[in-house]
Amino acid sequence: MRRLGRYLIEALEAADVRHVFGIPGVHNLEIYRGLEGASLRHITGRHEQGLGFMADGYARLSGRPGVCFTISGPGVSNIATALGQAYGDSVPVLVISSQNRRGEAGSGRGFLHELPDQRALASTVTAASFAIGEPGELPEALARAFALFASGRPRPVYIEIPLDVLAADAGALPLPEFGAAPPRADPAALADAAALLRAARRPVLLAGGGAVRAAAPLRQLAERLGAPLVMTSNGRGILPPGHPLAVAASPSLEPIRSLIAAADVVLAVGTEIGPTDYDMYSVSEFPSPAMLIRIDIDAQQLMRNAAPRIGLCADAAQALRALLEHDLGAPALRGAQGTGAVAAARARQQASAALSPLMRRHVSLLELIRETLPGAVMVGDSTQLVYAGNLGFAAAAPGSWFNSATGYGTLGYALPASTGAGLAAPERPIVCLVGDGGLQFSLGELAVLREVNAWTAIIVWNNHGYGEIRSSMIAAGIRPQGVDVEPPDCAMLAAAYGCAHRLIESSQALRGALEEFAGRRQVLLLEIAARAFE
């Protein structure tokens, strides 16, 4: 008999899913029965929150949805935090959970893993949620999930399947039809946008995470217009370090706000223009540009935070390529002497000066990592190094810098997300940036790195506790409480999980350890003594 659990696996294979992240339990055994003989590679996590973060990191780097298998009840509540991060950052994650048998779910009778309303819990952190009542409902739910990933804002989707339905006969149930396409920009609106850009004398471009996969046409457009390109934290690397038009600094910094305010036309691509990117380090709300063009795949998002003069609801790459086909005027001076390049250089210099001396030292460490490990992907937690990087670090390439320190802002993200990133790009070294406090949120996921043959440097910023919160308490006139959390012995920890350890107390020591790491595939834990860099 072809059970629905087996059908599910076949459908995921048909959708070109290659990896799944899961933890087996008595409530999802039928899914695991279906895995036998499948082409999918299953990665076993140590906690469902870790599964979700792995899927998130995998999706960001691979461009494919990250898929998770969980049990009912605690599996769903445990993964909810990871879904909240993916929801905030528009990352395609699919969670497939079991549910109690039909008639048992939400009955209040106390069945194993029973929740009053499991789907309602999941719906608060997903773009869509489905409860499968009969085998024939699963194909449509899967088709709709992958259609959302391909054609809309790619936020998480949740599907729950009761135990008796998972075990039911799927018979000759056909596989779902996949192949949805994203919206295309309206030709008339494109022409209007091109006319505004053609007439602009001081254009500025803003790029968020939604523009990462449109880096090539966005670079072409910036160079055609001679326009500075401001990259939010998730947009870093769209222009590389050293490009004369690149502004890899937070738009919440006053010098970057001044650059944007001086523009006569602003084009925002794939960015929420949200407070964690645009207002995080400013006492005032980000002022909406008077002449704003927005490109976003989400029609509702086009109108949030800053209403545009022209809104283009479309895939970023498609809309940008279409704009490039229009007359945008004579190609602007592209060199370092162009007016846009001069404005970008001034903004970079002033933004760096606006950082504290300590933050500038932190950015220098990140630059050392970037230069020592060309091609590396840097995955960050909410920790001091990452906060500084989000303000002023220039990533080497699109998608090579991402973290949980914006949006939902979880702790414990970086370690499991690094595992997912490494599975998506096994040929590239992964650098996990995590504080000693955040590391302890998902410490068990260290075991997974060894199992997947990871090439990962775990850089632990050890300031003996929650250093950023300690600083915030002092700044607010609060006597620090609850922030002095003792870290584990990192050397013993590394030995317990079968990886090498190095204590780093100077930039020279960090460079040497990274060169060692680059020389061979390995898991290396680098413990940076934060006091040595203060």
Protein backbone atom coordinates (compact mmCIF):
# COMPACT_ATOMS: atom_id res chain seq x y z
CA MET A 1 0.00 0.00 0.00
CA ARG A 2 1.23 3.49 -0.86
CA ARG A 3 0.57 5.40 2.35
CA LEU A 4 0.23 9.16 2.43
CA GLY A 5 3.57 9.43 4.27
CA ARG A 6 5.26 7.89 1.23
CA TYR A 7 3.27 10.11 -1.12
CA LEU A 8 4.52 13.16 0.79
CA ILE A 9 8.15 12.19 0.16
CA GLU A 10 7.49 11.60 -3.54
CA ALA A 11 5.83 15.00 -3.82
CA LEU A 12 8.80 16.73 -2.15
CA GLU A 13 11.16 14.98 -4.56
CA ALA A 14 9.00 16.22 -7.45
CA ALA A 15 9.39 19.75 -6.07
CA ASP A 16 13.20 19.36 -6.27
CA VAL A 17 13.64 19.23 -2.48
CA ARG A 18 17.06 17.71 -1.74
CA HIS A 19 17.49 18.09 2.02
CA VAL A 20 15.04 17.81 4.90
CA PHE A 21 15.66 18.70 8.54
CA GLY A 22 13.82 16.60 11.07
CA ILE A 23 13.54 14.80 14.38
CA PRO A 24 11.65 11.49 14.31
CA GLY A 25 9.09 10.67 16.98
CA VAL A 26 6.21 8.30 17.56
CA HIS A 27 3.86 10.84 15.98
CA ASN A 28 5.60 11.12 12.61
CA LEU A 29 6.75 7.53 12.02
CA GLU A 30 4.79 7.29 8.77
CA ILE A 31 6.80 10.15 7.29
CA TYR A 32 9.99 8.29 8.12
CA ARG A 33 8.62 5.05 6.67
CA GLY A 34 8.18 7.02 3.47
CA LEU A 35 11.83 8.15 3.48
CA GLU A 36 13.13 4.63 2.79
CA GLY A 37 14.77 4.57 -0.63
CA ALA A 38 14.15 8.28 -1.23
CA SER A 39 16.68 10.66 -2.77
CA LEU A 40 16.23 13.21 0.05
CA ARG A 41 19.06 13.66 2.51
CA HIS A 42 17.71 13.77 6.05
CA ILE A 43 19.53 15.87 8.66
CA THR A 44 18.70 15.08 12.28
CA GLY A 45 18.73 18.06 14.60
CA ARG A 46 18.87 18.10 18.38
CA HIS A 47 15.95 20.48 18.94
CA GLU A 48 13.13 21.64 16.68
CA GLN A 49 14.22 25.26 17.01
CA GLY A 50 17.56 24.19 15.57
CA LEU A 51 15.76 22.45 12.69
CA GLY A 52 14.03 25.67 11.76
CA PHE A 53 17.25 27.68 11.88
CA MET A 54 19.04 25.05 9.75
CA ALA A 55 16.26 25.24 7.18
CA ASP A 56 16.47 29.05 7.25
CA GLY A 57 20.23 29.11 6.58
CA TYR A 58 19.84 26.47 3.89
CA ALA A 59 17.09 28.41 2.13
CA ARG A 60 18.95 31.73 2.18
CA LEU A 61 21.99 30.26 0.48
CA SER A 62 20.45 27.65 -1.83
CA GLY A 63 17.41 29.56 -3.04
CA ARG A 64 15.32 26.44 -2.32
CA PRO A 65 12.77 26.18 0.49
CA GLY A 66 14.09 24.66 3.71
CA VAL A 67 11.88 21.74 4.69
CA CYS A 68 11.36 20.46 8.27
CA PHE A 69 9.61 17.42 9.74
CA THR A 70 8.33 17.73 13.30
CA ILE A 71 6.06 15.89 15.66
CA SER A 72 2.82 17.38 16.92
CA GLY A 73 2.57 19.49 20.08
CA PRO A 74 6.04 20.32 21.41
CA GLY A 75 7.59 19.90 17.97
CA VAL A 76 5.41 22.72 16.67
CA SER A 77 5.81 24.99 19.68
CA ASN A 78 9.59 24.43 19.70
CA ILE A 79 9.99 25.38 16.04
CA ALA A 80 7.77 28.45 16.31
CA THR A 81 10.68 30.75 17.29
CA ALA A 82 12.64 29.78 14.20
CA LEU A 83 9.55 30.37 12.07
CA GLY A 84 9.22 33.83 13.59
CA GLN A 85 12.74 34.70 12.39
CA ALA A 86 12.08 33.29 8.92
CA TYR A 87 8.79 35.19 8.75
CA GLY A 88 10.47 38.47 9.68
CA ASP A 89 13.24 38.00 7.10
CA SER A 90 11.05 36.55 4.29
CA VAL A 91 12.73 33.14 4.17
CA PRO A 92 10.92 30.14 2.57
CA VAL A 93 10.63 27.41 5.21
CA LEU A 94 8.10 24.57 5.01
CA VAL A 95 7.19 22.79 8.25
CA ILE A 96 5.32 19.50 7.94
CA SER A 97 4.00 18.30 11.26
CA SER A 98 1.96 15.38 12.45
CA GLN A 99 -1.27 15.94 14.38
CA ASN A 100 -3.39 13.79 16.66
CA ARG A 101 -5.88 11.51 14.96
CA ARG A 102 -9.06 13.00 13.60
CA GLY A 103 -11.44 13.47 16.49
CA GLU A 104 -8.62 13.67 19.03
CA ALA A 105 -6.98 16.99 18.13
CA GLY A 106 -8.10 19.80 20.42
CA SER A 107 -10.54 17.56 22.28
CA GLY A 108 -9.14 18.47 25.67
CA ARG A 109 -9.03 14.82 26.68
CA GLY A 110 -5.26 14.81 27.18
CA PHE A 111 -3.93 12.81 24.24
CA LEU A 112 -0.16 12.73 23.77
CA HIS A 113 1.16 16.08 22.44
CA GLU A 114 -2.35 17.52 22.31
CA LEU A 115 -2.69 21.29 21.90
CA PRO A 116 -5.99 23.19 21.99
CA ASP A 117 -5.36 24.52 18.48
CA GLN A 118 -2.02 23.54 16.96
CA ARG A 119 -2.69 25.11 13.59
CA ALA A 120 -3.65 28.43 15.18
CA LEU A 121 -0.32 28.49 17.01
CA ALA A 122 1.59 27.91 13.78
CA SER A 123 -0.49 30.43 11.84
CA THR A 124 0.90 33.33 13.88
CA VAL A 125 4.39 32.84 12.38
CA THR A 126 3.57 31.61 8.87
CA ALA A 127 2.18 33.08 5.66
CA ALA A 128 -0.17 30.13 5.21
CA SER A 129 -1.18 27.09 7.26
CA PHE A 130 -3.05 23.95 6.23
CA ALA A 131 -4.76 21.18 8.21
CA ILE A 132 -5.13 18.05 6.07
CA GLY A 133 -8.40 16.22 6.72
CA GLU A 134 -8.26 13.69 3.87
CA PRO A 135 -5.39 12.35 1.71
CA GLY A 136 -6.73 14.14 -1.34
CA GLU A 137 -6.19 17.55 0.30
CA LEU A 138 -2.41 17.23 0.51
CA PRO A 139 -1.55 17.80 -3.19
CA GLU A 140 -3.29 21.18 -3.22
CA ALA A 141 -1.69 22.25 0.07
CA LEU A 142 1.79 21.41 -1.22
CA ALA A 143 1.12 23.10 -4.57
CA ARG A 144 -0.06 26.25 -2.81
CA ALA A 145 2.95 26.23 -0.47
CA PHE A 146 5.48 26.05 -3.30
CA ALA A 147 3.47 28.55 -5.36
CA LEU A 148 3.78 31.03 -2.49
CA PHE A 149 7.53 30.42 -2.29
CA ALA A 150 7.95 30.93 -6.03
CA SER A 151 5.55 33.76 -6.73
CA GLY A 152 5.04 35.77 -3.55
CA ARG A 153 6.89 36.98 -0.52
CA PRO A 154 8.58 33.71 0.52
CA ARG A 155 7.57 33.41 4.16
CA PRO A 156 7.12 30.11 6.05
CA VAL A 157 4.26 27.69 5.40
CA TYR A 158 2.89 25.07 7.80
CA ILE A 159 1.11 21.80 6.96
CA GLU A 160 -0.24 19.41 9.61
CA ILE A 161 -1.39 15.87 8.89
CA PRO A 162 -3.24 13.68 11.43
CA LEU A 163 -1.69 10.32 12.31
CA ASP A 164 -4.50 8.30 10.75
CA VAL A 165 -4.36 10.37 7.54
CA LEU A 166 -0.58 9.90 7.26
CA ALA A 167 -1.14 6.14 7.41
CA ALA A 168 -4.06 6.17 4.97
CA ASP A 169 -3.88 4.75 1.46
CA ALA A 170 -2.89 7.43 -1.05
CA GLY A 171 -3.58 5.03 -3.90
CA ALA A 172 -3.06 6.61 -7.28
CA LEU A 173 -3.14 10.16 -5.90
CA PRO A 174 -1.41 12.33 -8.54
CA LEU A 175 1.61 14.40 -7.66
CA PRO A 176 1.07 18.15 -7.32
CA GLU A 177 1.58 20.51 -10.22
CA PHE A 178 4.43 22.92 -9.49
CA GLY A 179 5.52 25.90 -11.56
CA ALA A 180 4.05 29.18 -10.33
CA ALA A 181 5.77 32.34 -11.53
CA PRO A 182 6.29 35.67 -9.72
CA PRO A 183 4.38 38.80 -10.76
CA ARG A 184 5.77 40.95 -13.54
CA ALA A 185 6.03 44.70 -13.40
CA ASP A 186 3.33 46.74 -15.11
CA PRO A 187 4.75 48.17 -18.37
CA ALA A 188 3.15 51.60 -17.91
CA ALA A 189 4.49 51.90 -14.36
CA LEU A 190 7.92 50.80 -15.60
CA ALA A 191 7.89 53.55 -18.22
CA ASP A 192 6.95 56.13 -15.58
CA ALA A 193 9.73 54.90 -13.29
CA ALA A 194 12.26 55.05 -16.12
CA ALA A 195 11.22 58.63 -16.89
CA LEU A 196 11.77 59.67 -13.27
CA LEU A 197 15.17 58.00 -13.16
CA ARG A 198 16.17 59.49 -16.50
CA ALA A 199 15.42 63.00 -15.22
CA ALA A 200 17.10 62.45 -11.84
CA ARG A 201 20.29 64.34 -11.07
CA ARG A 202 20.95 62.86 -7.62
CA PRO A 203 19.41 59.35 -7.61
CA VAL A 204 20.01 56.94 -4.74
CA LEU A 205 19.21 53.22 -4.67
CA LEU A 206 18.21 51.22 -1.57
CA ALA A 207 18.57 47.43 -1.55
CA GLY A 208 17.31 44.92 1.00
CA GLY A 209 17.28 41.14 1.27
CA GLY A 210 14.68 40.91 -1.49
CA ALA A 211 17.28 42.21 -3.95
CA VAL A 212 20.01 39.62 -3.24
CA ARG A 213 19.07 37.43 -6.20
CA ALA A 214 18.85 40.49 -8.44
CA ALA A 215 22.41 41.66 -7.77
CA ALA A 216 23.57 41.66 -11.40
CA PRO A 217 20.84 43.89 -12.89
CA LEU A 218 20.89 46.12 -9.80
CA ARG A 219 24.61 46.68 -10.23
CA GLN A 220 24.04 47.48 -13.91
CA LEU A 221 21.36 50.00 -12.99
CA ALA A 222 23.51 51.68 -10.34
CA GLU A 223 26.34 52.06 -12.83
CA ARG A 224 24.04 53.31 -15.60
CA LEU A 225 22.65 55.97 -13.28
CA GLY A 226 25.88 56.66 -11.40
CA ALA A 227 23.78 56.24 -8.24
CA PRO A 228 25.00 55.34 -4.73
CA LEU A 229 23.59 51.99 -3.64
CA VAL A 230 22.75 51.73 0.07
CA MET A 231 22.57 48.10 1.25
CA THR A 232 20.68 47.06 4.37
CA SER A 233 22.14 44.26 6.48
CA ASN A 234 20.43 41.54 4.40
CA GLY A 235 21.39 43.31 1.16
CA ARG A 236 25.12 43.49 1.85
CA GLY A 237 27.43 42.31 -0.91
CA ILE A 238 25.15 43.29 -3.80
CA LEU A 239 27.98 45.66 -4.64
CA PRO A 240 31.41 44.41 -3.53
CA PRO A 241 33.82 46.23 -1.22
CA GLY A 242 35.73 48.86 -3.13
CA HIS A 243 33.01 49.56 -5.67
CA PRO A 244 32.78 53.36 -5.92
CA LEU A 245 28.97 53.37 -5.62
CA ALA A 246 28.71 50.88 -2.74
CA VAL A 247 27.37 52.15 0.59
CA ALA A 248 27.50 49.20 3.02
CA ALA A 249 26.26 51.10 6.04
CA SER A 250 22.99 51.16 7.95
CA PRO A 251 20.38 53.68 6.78
CA SER A 252 19.64 54.31 10.46
CA LEU A 253 22.95 56.22 10.68
CA GLU A 254 22.56 59.96 10.19
CA PRO A 255 25.14 60.29 7.36
CA ILE A 256 23.28 57.67 5.32
CA ARG A 257 19.97 59.36 6.05
CA SER A 258 21.48 62.60 4.81
CA LEU A 259 22.60 60.90 1.58
CA ILE A 260 19.06 59.59 1.02
CA ALA A 261 17.46 62.93 1.95
CA ALA A 262 19.61 64.75 -0.62
CA ALA A 263 18.40 62.49 -3.45
CA ASP A 264 15.89 63.82 -5.94
CA VAL A 265 14.73 60.24 -6.75
CA VAL A 266 15.06 57.16 -4.53
CA LEU A 267 14.54 53.63 -5.87
CA ALA A 268 14.01 51.02 -3.14
CA VAL A 269 14.33 47.36 -4.16
CA GLY A 270 13.28 44.45 -1.97
CA THR A 271 13.40 46.35 1.31
CA GLU A 272 10.69 46.78 3.93
CA ILE A 273 12.07 50.21 4.87
CA GLY A 274 11.40 48.83 8.34
CA PRO A 275 12.53 50.10 11.74
CA THR A 276 15.18 47.46 12.51
CA ASP A 277 17.11 48.55 9.43
CA TYR A 278 16.16 52.22 9.12
CA ASP A 279 15.45 53.41 12.69
CA MET A 280 17.51 51.15 14.97
CA TYR A 281 20.23 53.67 15.83
CA SER A 282 18.35 56.93 15.37
CA VAL A 283 16.14 58.87 17.74
CA SER A 284 13.76 59.89 14.96
CA GLU A 285 11.65 57.91 12.50
CA PHE A 286 13.09 57.45 9.01
CA PRO A 287 11.73 60.24 6.78
CA SER A 288 9.95 58.95 3.68
CA PRO A 289 11.63 60.22 0.49
CA ALA A 290 9.49 62.69 -1.44
CA MET A 291 10.11 61.00 -4.81
CA LEU A 292 10.15 57.27 -4.08
CA ILE A 293 9.95 54.31 -6.47
CA ARG A 294 9.56 50.88 -4.85
CA ILE A 295 9.98 47.38 -6.26
CA ASP A 296 8.61 44.61 -4.07
CA ILE A 297 7.10 41.20 -4.70
CA ASP A 298 4.51 41.88 -1.95
CA ALA A 299 1.80 44.33 -3.02
CA GLN A 300 0.91 45.16 0.60
CA GLN A 301 4.53 45.81 1.53
CA LEU A 302 4.75 48.38 -1.25
CA MET A 303 2.54 50.63 0.87
CA ARG A 304 4.02 49.98 4.31
CA ASN A 305 6.45 52.33 6.08
CA ALA A 306 6.92 54.63 3.06
CA ALA A 307 4.30 55.22 0.36
CA PRO A 308 5.88 55.38 -3.12
CA ARG A 309 5.15 57.72 -6.00
CA ILE A 310 5.43 54.61 -8.19
CA GLY A 311 5.04 51.06 -6.90
CA LEU A 312 6.13 48.06 -8.97
CA CYS A 313 4.78 44.75 -7.64
CA ALA A 314 7.17 42.31 -9.26
CA ASP A 315 10.13 40.02 -8.90
CA ALA A 316 13.10 42.31 -8.38
CA ALA A 317 15.31 40.82 -11.10
CA GLN A 318 12.52 40.94 -13.70
CA ALA A 319 11.61 44.54 -12.89
CA LEU A 320 15.22 45.72 -12.93
CA ARG A 321 15.98 44.01 -16.24
CA ALA A 322 12.88 45.62 -17.70
CA LEU A 323 13.96 49.05 -16.41
CA LEU A 324 17.35 48.59 -18.06
CA GLU A 325 15.63 48.17 -21.42
CA HIS A 326 14.29 51.73 -21.18
CA ASP A 327 16.10 54.92 -22.06
CA LEU A 328 17.72 56.03 -18.81
CA GLY A 329 19.78 58.78 -20.37
CA ALA A 330 23.45 58.81 -21.26
CA PRO A 331 25.54 56.41 -19.13
CA ALA A 332 26.79 58.28 -16.09
CA LEU A 333 30.45 58.70 -15.26
CA ARG A 334 31.27 55.42 -13.53
CA GLY A 335 34.65 56.15 -12.06
CA ALA A 336 35.58 57.49 -8.67
CA GLN A 337 35.12 61.07 -9.94
CA GLY A 338 31.40 60.72 -10.73
CA THR A 339 29.06 62.78 -8.55
CA GLY A 340 27.32 59.64 -7.28
CA ALA A 341 30.64 58.03 -6.44
CA VAL A 342 31.78 61.17 -4.60
CA ALA A 343 28.55 61.20 -2.59
CA ALA A 344 28.91 57.48 -1.82
CA ALA A 345 32.52 57.92 -0.66
CA ARG A 346 31.56 60.81 1.60
CA ALA A 347 28.68 58.80 3.09
CA ARG A 348 30.95 55.81 3.74
CA GLN A 349 33.55 57.96 5.46
CA GLN A 350 31.01 59.82 7.60
CA ALA A 351 29.17 56.62 8.54
CA SER A 352 32.40 55.02 9.72
CA ALA A 353 33.20 58.12 11.77
CA ALA A 354 29.74 57.92 13.35
CA LEU A 355 30.54 54.52 14.86
CA SER A 356 32.14 54.29 18.26
CA PRO A 357 35.87 53.41 18.35
CA LEU A 358 34.94 49.97 19.74
CA MET A 359 32.53 49.30 16.89
CA ARG A 360 35.14 50.32 14.35
CA ARG A 361 37.51 47.77 15.88
CA HIS A 362 34.80 45.14 15.60
CA VAL A 363 34.25 46.00 11.92
CA SER A 364 38.01 45.69 11.35
CA LEU A 365 37.91 42.14 12.73
CA LEU A 366 35.11 41.28 10.33
CA GLU A 367 37.15 42.73 7.46
CA LEU A 368 40.10 40.58 8.52
CA ILE A 369 37.87 37.49 8.31
CA ARG A 370 36.58 38.54 4.88
CA GLU A 371 40.05 39.10 3.47
CA THR A 372 41.54 35.93 4.97
CA LEU A 373 38.70 33.69 3.78
CA PRO A 374 37.68 34.78 0.27
CA GLY A 375 34.33 33.27 -0.65
CA ALA A 376 33.30 32.61 2.94
CA VAL A 377 29.70 32.95 4.11
CA MET A 378 29.34 34.77 7.43
CA VAL A 379 26.30 33.74 9.47
CA GLY A 380 25.60 35.78 12.59
CA ASP A 381 23.70 35.64 15.83
CA SER A 382 22.59 38.60 17.93
CA THR A 383 26.00 39.53 19.33
CA GLN A 384 28.31 42.54 19.49
CA LEU A 385 30.43 41.72 16.43
CA VAL A 386 27.29 41.30 14.35
CA TYR A 387 25.66 44.50 15.61
CA ALA A 388 28.75 46.41 14.50
CA GLY A 389 28.75 44.59 11.18
CA ASN A 390 25.13 45.46 10.48
CA LEU A 391 26.05 49.10 10.94
CA GLY A 392 29.14 49.20 8.74
CA PHE A 393 30.54 45.95 7.34
CA ALA A 394 30.93 45.48 3.58
CA ALA A 395 30.25 41.86 2.64
CA ALA A 396 32.17 40.30 -0.22
CA ALA A 397 29.26 38.94 -2.26
CA PRO A 398 25.44 38.81 -2.27
CA GLY A 399 24.08 36.48 0.41
CA SER A 400 27.45 36.11 2.14
CA TRP A 401 26.37 38.08 5.24
CA PHE A 402 23.13 37.34 7.11
CA ASN A 403 22.11 37.11 10.73
CA SER A 404 19.30 37.17 13.27
CA ALA A 405 20.11 40.60 14.70
CA THR A 406 17.38 42.37 12.71
CA GLY A 407 13.67 41.69 12.38
CA TYR A 408 12.55 39.10 14.92
CA GLY A 409 15.99 39.11 16.54
CA THR A 410 16.39 35.64 18.02
CA LEU A 411 19.34 34.23 19.94
CA GLY A 412 20.74 30.80 19.13
CA TYR A 413 20.33 31.27 15.37
CA ALA A 414 23.88 31.29 14.03
CA LEU A 415 25.10 27.79 14.90
CA PRO A 416 22.27 25.77 13.29
CA ALA A 417 21.84 28.28 10.45
CA SER A 418 25.53 27.80 9.64
CA THR A 419 24.89 24.06 9.31
CA GLY A 420 22.11 24.72 6.81
CA ALA A 421 24.26 27.19 4.88
CA GLY A 422 27.10 24.66 4.70
CA LEU A 423 24.78 22.00 3.27
CA ALA A 424 23.57 24.46 0.65
CA ALA A 425 27.11 25.50 -0.37
CA PRO A 426 29.51 22.71 0.66
CA GLU A 427 32.31 24.16 -1.45
CA ARG A 428 32.44 27.39 0.59
CA PRO A 429 33.80 27.90 4.12
CA ILE A 430 31.17 28.99 6.63
CA VAL A 431 31.92 31.39 9.47
CA CYS A 432 29.52 31.25 12.42
CA LEU A 433 29.58 34.45 14.51
CA VAL A 434 28.03 33.89 17.93
CA GLY A 435 28.39 35.21 21.46
CA ASP A 436 29.03 32.97 24.42
CA GLY A 437 25.48 33.69 25.61
CA GLY A 438 23.80 32.99 22.28
CA LEU A 439 25.85 29.83 21.77
CA GLN A 440 24.22 28.27 24.81
CA PHE A 441 20.75 28.68 23.28
CA SER A 442 21.46 25.98 20.68
CA LEU A 443 24.60 24.31 21.96
CA GLY A 444 23.44 20.78 21.14
CA GLU A 445 23.49 21.52 17.41
CA LEU A 446 27.29 21.41 17.53
CA ALA A 447 26.93 17.65 17.15
CA VAL A 448 25.29 18.04 13.75
CA LEU A 449 28.30 19.81 12.23
CA ARG A 450 30.42 16.72 12.71
CA GLU A 451 27.76 14.46 11.21
CA VAL A 452 27.38 16.50 8.00
CA ASN A 453 31.14 16.88 7.36
CA ALA A 454 30.91 20.64 7.75
CA TRP A 455 33.53 23.23 6.82
CA THR A 456 32.71 25.69 9.58
CA ALA A 457 34.64 28.07 11.80
CA ILE A 458 32.62 28.83 14.92
CA ILE A 459 33.81 32.20 16.18
CA VAL A 460 32.64 32.61 19.77
CA TRP A 461 32.76 36.23 20.94
CA ASN A 462 33.34 35.54 24.63
CA ASN A 463 32.50 38.52 26.82
CA HIS A 464 31.32 36.34 29.70
CA GLY A 465 27.62 36.95 29.46
CA TYR A 466 25.15 39.12 27.60
CA GLY A 467 27.57 41.95 26.88
CA GLU A 468 25.31 44.08 24.69
CA ILE A 469 22.49 43.95 27.24
CA ARG A 470 24.95 44.81 30.01
CA SER A 471 26.04 47.90 28.04
CA SER A 472 22.41 48.86 27.40
CA MET A 473 21.57 48.59 31.11
CA ILE A 474 24.50 50.84 32.04
CA ALA A 475 23.54 53.37 29.35
CA ALA A 476 19.98 53.42 30.73
CA GLY A 477 21.21 53.97 34.30
CA ILE A 478 20.24 50.46 35.39
CA ARG A 479 22.51 48.44 37.63
CA PRO A 480 23.35 45.31 35.54
CA GLN A 481 21.31 42.32 36.63
CA GLY A 482 21.15 38.84 35.13
CA VAL A 483 23.71 39.50 32.41
CA ASP A 484 26.84 37.97 33.90
CA VAL A 485 26.28 34.45 32.64
CA GLU A 486 29.29 32.18 32.88
CA PRO A 487 30.28 30.60 29.55
CA PRO A 488 31.26 26.95 29.21
CA ASP A 489 34.90 25.94 28.96
CA CYS A 490 35.17 26.26 25.19
CA ALA A 491 38.27 24.06 24.92
CA MET A 492 36.55 21.20 26.73
CA LEU A 493 33.37 21.84 24.78
CA ALA A 494 35.21 21.54 21.47
CA ALA A 495 36.86 18.32 22.60
CA ALA A 496 33.51 16.89 23.66
CA TYR A 497 32.10 17.49 20.19
CA GLY A 498 35.20 16.36 18.34
CA CYS A 499 36.48 19.63 16.92
CA ALA A 500 39.61 21.72 17.36
CA HIS A 501 39.78 24.80 19.59
CA ARG A 502 41.93 27.93 19.48
CA LEU A 503 41.91 30.79 22.00
CA ILE A 504 42.26 34.11 20.15
CA GLU A 505 43.69 37.15 21.93
CA SER A 506 45.06 39.18 19.00
CA SER A 507 44.31 39.96 15.37
CA GLN A 508 47.48 38.12 14.36
CA ALA A 509 46.30 34.99 16.16
CA LEU A 510 42.90 35.23 14.44
CA ARG A 511 44.50 35.53 11.03
CA GLY A 512 46.73 32.52 11.66
CA ALA A 513 43.83 30.37 12.88
CA LEU A 514 41.72 31.31 9.87
CA GLU A 515 44.56 30.46 7.50
CA GLU A 516 44.80 27.06 9.20
CA PHE A 517 41.02 26.63 8.83
CA ALA A 518 41.15 27.57 5.14
CA GLY A 519 43.74 24.88 4.48
CA ARG A 520 41.46 21.91 5.04
CA ARG A 521 37.84 21.01 5.57
CA GLN A 522 37.21 20.97 9.31
CA VAL A 523 35.11 22.25 12.21
CA LEU A 524 37.14 24.73 14.22
CA LEU A 525 35.99 26.60 17.34
CA LEU A 526 37.75 29.95 17.70
CA GLU A 527 37.16 31.51 21.09
CA ILE A 528 37.81 35.25 20.91
CA ALA A 529 38.56 36.82 24.28
CA ALA A 530 36.52 40.00 23.85
CA ARG A 531 38.48 41.83 26.56
CA ALA A 532 41.57 41.69 24.33
CA PHE A 533 39.84 43.82 21.69
CA GLU A 534 38.28 46.48 23.91
